[in-house]
Amino acid sequence: MLDILALQTTSTNPTLITIFYTVMLSFILSTLIAVTYERTFRGLSYSRNFVQALILSAIVAATVMQAIGDSLASGLGMLGALAIIRFRTTFKDARDIVFMFAALAAGLSCGVNGYAIAVVGTLGFCIIAFILYVSPFGQENFFDGMLRFNIENDSAGRLALEAVLPRYCKTFALITLRDMAQGKRLDYAYHVKLKKGKGKADFIEDLKKIESIKGVSLLLQETTVDL
């Protein structure tokens, strides 16, 4: 039977069972962090690749720390090797960065045989993430999605638009407005939140009834998934 307490010691040359235990625990903890991220996610674009990266990064961090051990020379060599790699991934949300750090922290803790720290820290992080999700800090998004279209630059089109938007939207905010066709048309982008009971199809249909409107697209967060 595996003696967990026996694994709580730092070793320059970890045994095979210690390495296996480290990798498996980092996998379990990072999976818990990934599930927490998925369950508490609120945004316009959900990335499955990022969720997988959370799990894999913890395993990589644990493996690196196991390889370094207590050796200063190994640590400097690993630092030099990793310096060759250039990470240019742009995070869309500061919250994504926090979850990535949480996964790395779990992997690093497992890699240095700090299993109790890894377990308690990960559980505390996930519990607090769920608390924030249901608290006033995690209330439903102010906007449901993005509406985009272009319309002729005249008063008739603007008046028709001002009649349709309040009918279907609880709130809406103009994001961008730019000229098209040398100022003859205007391209609009709005953040919108639909009223309860108002459907996307009816909203788009009424917008298309405006004679000069073109390129109507309504992107709602629940339909947006990065594959």
Protein backbone atom coordinates (compact mmCIF):
# COMPACT_ATOMS: atom_id res chain seq x y z
CA MET A 1 0.00 0.00 0.00
CA LEU A 2 1.33 3.42 -0.96
CA ASP A 3 2.53 5.38 2.06
CA ILE A 4 1.65 9.00 1.26
CA LEU A 5 3.67 10.35 4.20
CA ALA A 6 6.76 8.64 2.84
CA LEU A 7 6.42 10.72 -0.32
CA GLN A 8 6.55 14.01 1.56
CA THR A 9 10.34 14.12 1.46
CA THR A 10 12.44 15.84 -1.16
CA SER A 11 14.74 13.51 -3.02
CA THR A 12 17.47 14.22 -5.53
CA ASN A 13 16.62 10.98 -7.32
CA PRO A 14 12.88 10.33 -6.85
CA THR A 15 11.66 6.78 -7.13
CA LEU A 16 9.39 5.59 -9.90
CA ILE A 17 6.37 5.38 -7.60
CA THR A 18 7.01 8.96 -6.43
CA ILE A 19 7.14 10.22 -10.01
CA PHE A 20 3.93 8.35 -10.88
CA TYR A 21 2.16 9.69 -7.80
CA THR A 22 3.31 13.24 -8.62
CA VAL A 23 2.10 13.13 -12.22
CA MET A 24 -1.25 11.57 -11.31
CA LEU A 25 -1.93 14.03 -8.49
CA SER A 26 -1.03 17.01 -10.70
CA PHE A 27 -3.39 15.61 -13.35
CA ILE A 28 -6.26 15.22 -10.86
CA LEU A 29 -5.78 18.69 -9.35
CA SER A 30 -5.41 20.44 -12.71
CA THR A 31 -8.52 18.63 -13.98
CA LEU A 32 -10.41 19.96 -10.97
CA ILE A 33 -9.20 23.48 -11.81
CA ALA A 34 -10.23 23.00 -15.46
CA VAL A 35 -13.72 21.79 -14.46
CA THR A 36 -14.06 24.79 -12.13
CA TYR A 37 -13.08 27.11 -14.98
CA GLU A 38 -15.62 25.47 -17.29
CA ARG A 39 -18.46 25.61 -14.74
CA THR A 40 -17.81 29.23 -13.75
CA PHE A 41 -17.05 30.58 -17.23
CA ARG A 42 -19.01 33.59 -18.43
CA GLY A 43 -17.89 35.22 -21.62
CA LEU A 44 -18.34 35.49 -25.34
CA SER A 45 -15.77 32.92 -26.43
CA TYR A 46 -15.07 29.59 -24.71
CA SER A 47 -11.83 27.87 -25.71
CA ARG A 48 -11.51 24.10 -25.31
CA ASN A 49 -7.82 24.34 -26.12
CA PHE A 50 -7.29 26.60 -23.10
CA VAL A 51 -9.03 24.11 -20.80
CA GLN A 52 -6.78 21.33 -22.08
CA ALA A 53 -3.75 23.60 -21.66
CA LEU A 54 -4.64 24.05 -17.97
CA ILE A 55 -4.36 20.31 -17.40
CA LEU A 56 -1.25 19.77 -19.49
CA SER A 57 0.64 22.75 -18.05
CA ALA A 58 0.34 21.36 -14.50
CA ILE A 59 1.78 18.02 -15.58
CA VAL A 60 4.64 19.74 -17.40
CA ALA A 61 5.40 21.92 -14.36
CA ALA A 62 5.42 18.88 -12.06
CA THR A 63 7.71 16.96 -14.43
CA VAL A 64 10.14 19.88 -14.69
CA MET A 65 10.37 20.27 -10.92
CA GLN A 66 10.91 16.53 -10.48
CA ALA A 67 13.70 16.64 -13.06
CA ILE A 68 15.43 19.57 -11.33
CA GLY A 69 15.14 18.19 -7.80
CA ASP A 70 17.67 19.80 -5.43
CA SER A 71 20.31 20.32 -8.10
CA LEU A 72 21.27 23.95 -8.72
CA ALA A 73 23.07 22.97 -11.92
CA SER A 74 19.97 21.21 -13.26
CA GLY A 75 17.87 24.24 -12.38
CA LEU A 76 20.16 26.62 -14.27
CA GLY A 77 20.30 24.25 -17.22
CA MET A 78 16.51 23.93 -17.32
CA LEU A 79 16.18 27.72 -17.10
CA GLY A 80 18.49 28.14 -20.06
CA ALA A 81 16.61 25.54 -22.10
CA LEU A 82 13.23 27.11 -21.38
CA ALA A 83 14.59 30.55 -22.28
CA ILE A 84 14.84 29.36 -25.88
CA ILE A 85 11.04 29.00 -26.03
CA ARG A 86 9.05 32.14 -26.74
CA PHE A 87 5.43 32.08 -25.52
CA ARG A 88 3.36 34.58 -27.47
CA THR A 89 -0.15 33.44 -26.51
CA THR A 90 -2.44 36.37 -25.73
CA PHE A 91 -4.95 35.80 -22.94
CA LYS A 92 -8.40 37.25 -23.63
CA ASP A 93 -9.26 37.71 -19.97
CA ALA A 94 -7.28 38.38 -16.80
CA ARG A 95 -9.28 35.55 -15.20
CA ASP A 96 -7.72 33.11 -17.67
CA ILE A 97 -4.27 34.13 -16.45
CA VAL A 98 -5.27 33.45 -12.83
CA PHE A 99 -6.52 29.95 -13.70
CA MET A 100 -3.32 29.23 -15.63
CA PHE A 101 -1.24 30.31 -12.61
CA ALA A 102 -3.41 28.09 -10.37
CA ALA A 103 -2.74 25.06 -12.60
CA LEU A 104 0.99 25.82 -12.68
CA ALA A 105 1.04 26.30 -8.90
CA ALA A 106 -0.60 22.90 -8.40
CA GLY A 107 1.93 21.27 -10.71
CA LEU A 108 4.90 23.01 -9.09
CA SER A 109 3.72 22.04 -5.60
CA CYS A 110 3.38 18.42 -6.65
CA GLY A 111 6.78 18.57 -8.35
CA VAL A 112 8.54 19.60 -5.13
CA ASN A 113 6.63 16.95 -3.15
CA GLY A 114 4.40 19.50 -1.44
CA TYR A 115 1.31 17.35 -1.91
CA ALA A 116 -0.62 18.69 1.06
CA ILE A 117 -0.04 22.27 -0.10
CA ALA A 118 -1.13 21.33 -3.64
CA VAL A 119 -4.35 19.65 -2.49
CA VAL A 120 -5.40 22.27 0.06
CA GLY A 121 -4.45 25.16 -2.22
CA THR A 122 -6.34 23.74 -5.21
CA LEU A 123 -9.46 22.92 -3.20
CA GLY A 124 -9.43 26.39 -1.64
CA PHE A 125 -9.01 28.03 -5.04
CA CYS A 126 -11.88 26.05 -6.62
CA ILE A 127 -14.25 26.63 -3.69
CA ILE A 128 -13.61 30.38 -3.70
CA ALA A 129 -14.06 30.46 -7.50
CA PHE A 130 -17.52 28.90 -7.12
CA ILE A 131 -18.38 31.28 -4.26
CA LEU A 132 -17.47 34.26 -6.44
CA TYR A 133 -19.51 32.77 -9.29
CA VAL A 134 -22.73 32.76 -7.23
CA SER A 135 -21.95 35.96 -5.31
CA PRO A 136 -22.85 39.51 -6.44
CA PHE A 137 -19.37 39.66 -8.01
CA GLY A 138 -20.42 36.94 -10.46
CA GLN A 139 -23.87 38.10 -11.48
CA GLU A 140 -25.16 37.40 -14.94
CA ASN A 141 -23.37 39.23 -17.73
CA PHE A 142 -24.52 42.78 -18.34
CA PHE A 143 -24.60 41.98 -22.06
CA ASP A 144 -25.66 38.82 -23.90
CA GLY A 145 -23.65 39.36 -27.06
CA MET A 146 -22.71 41.57 -29.98
CA LEU A 147 -24.91 43.01 -32.74
CA ARG A 148 -23.31 44.25 -35.95
CA PHE A 149 -24.73 45.76 -39.15
CA ASN A 150 -24.32 48.63 -41.58
CA ILE A 151 -26.96 51.12 -42.67
CA GLU A 152 -27.33 54.16 -44.89
CA ASN A 153 -26.30 57.44 -43.30
CA ASP A 154 -29.72 59.11 -43.24
CA SER A 155 -32.30 60.07 -40.64
CA ALA A 156 -34.89 57.52 -41.81
CA GLY A 157 -32.63 54.56 -41.08
CA ARG A 158 -31.56 55.92 -37.70
CA LEU A 159 -35.16 56.51 -36.62
CA ALA A 160 -36.17 52.98 -37.63
CA LEU A 161 -33.18 51.57 -35.74
CA GLU A 162 -34.03 53.58 -32.61
CA ALA A 163 -37.50 52.04 -32.70
CA VAL A 164 -36.34 48.41 -33.00
CA LEU A 165 -33.50 48.32 -30.45
CA PRO A 166 -35.51 49.37 -27.36
CA ARG A 167 -38.27 46.94 -28.32
CA TYR A 168 -35.99 43.90 -28.06
CA CYS A 169 -33.06 44.98 -25.91
CA LYS A 170 -33.07 45.51 -22.17
CA THR A 171 -29.77 47.35 -22.48
CA PHE A 172 -27.51 48.17 -25.42
CA ALA A 173 -24.27 50.10 -25.81
CA LEU A 174 -22.55 51.33 -28.94
CA ILE A 175 -19.02 49.88 -29.25
CA THR A 176 -17.84 51.14 -32.62
CA LEU A 177 -19.19 53.39 -35.35
CA ARG A 178 -17.27 53.88 -38.57
CA ASP A 179 -17.88 55.30 -42.05
CA MET A 180 -18.32 53.13 -45.12
CA ALA A 181 -18.60 53.97 -48.81
CA GLN A 182 -17.13 57.44 -48.31
CA GLY A 183 -19.58 58.31 -45.56
CA LYS A 184 -22.72 57.13 -47.37
CA ARG A 185 -23.12 54.19 -45.00
CA LEU A 186 -22.33 53.63 -41.31
CA ASP A 187 -21.10 50.41 -39.73
CA TYR A 188 -22.45 49.83 -36.19
CA ALA A 189 -21.35 47.40 -33.47
CA TYR A 190 -23.43 47.13 -30.27
CA HIS A 191 -23.23 45.16 -27.06
CA VAL A 192 -26.79 44.06 -26.37
CA LYS A 193 -28.81 42.29 -23.69
CA LEU A 194 -32.13 40.91 -24.93
CA LYS A 195 -35.33 41.28 -22.95
CA LYS A 196 -36.84 38.14 -21.46
CA GLY A 197 -39.11 36.40 -23.93
CA LYS A 198 -37.56 38.13 -26.93
CA GLY A 199 -36.06 35.77 -29.49
CA LYS A 200 -32.96 36.21 -31.58
CA ALA A 201 -34.73 35.27 -34.83
CA ASP A 202 -37.54 37.82 -34.35
CA PHE A 203 -35.01 40.52 -33.46
CA ILE A 204 -32.97 39.91 -36.62
CA GLU A 205 -36.13 39.71 -38.75
CA ASP A 206 -37.34 43.11 -37.56
CA LEU A 207 -33.91 44.63 -38.16
CA LYS A 208 -33.88 43.32 -41.72
CA LYS A 209 -37.20 45.09 -42.35
CA ILE A 210 -35.29 48.36 -42.31
CA GLU A 211 -34.77 49.05 -46.02
CA SER A 212 -31.17 50.24 -46.04
CA ILE A 213 -29.74 47.81 -43.47
CA LYS A 214 -27.22 45.17 -44.54
CA GLY A 215 -24.87 42.62 -42.94
CA VAL A 216 -26.94 41.99 -39.81
CA SER A 217 -25.26 39.56 -37.41
CA LEU A 218 -26.09 38.82 -33.77
CA LEU A 219 -23.45 36.87 -31.85
CA LEU A 220 -24.69 35.53 -28.50
CA GLN A 221 -22.30 34.13 -25.92
CA GLU A 222 -24.00 30.75 -25.49
CA THR A 223 -23.53 29.99 -29.21
CA THR A 224 -19.84 30.93 -29.34
CA VAL A 225 -17.32 28.13 -28.80
CA ASP A 226 -13.70 28.06 -29.97
CA LEU A 227 -12.87 24.57 -31.25
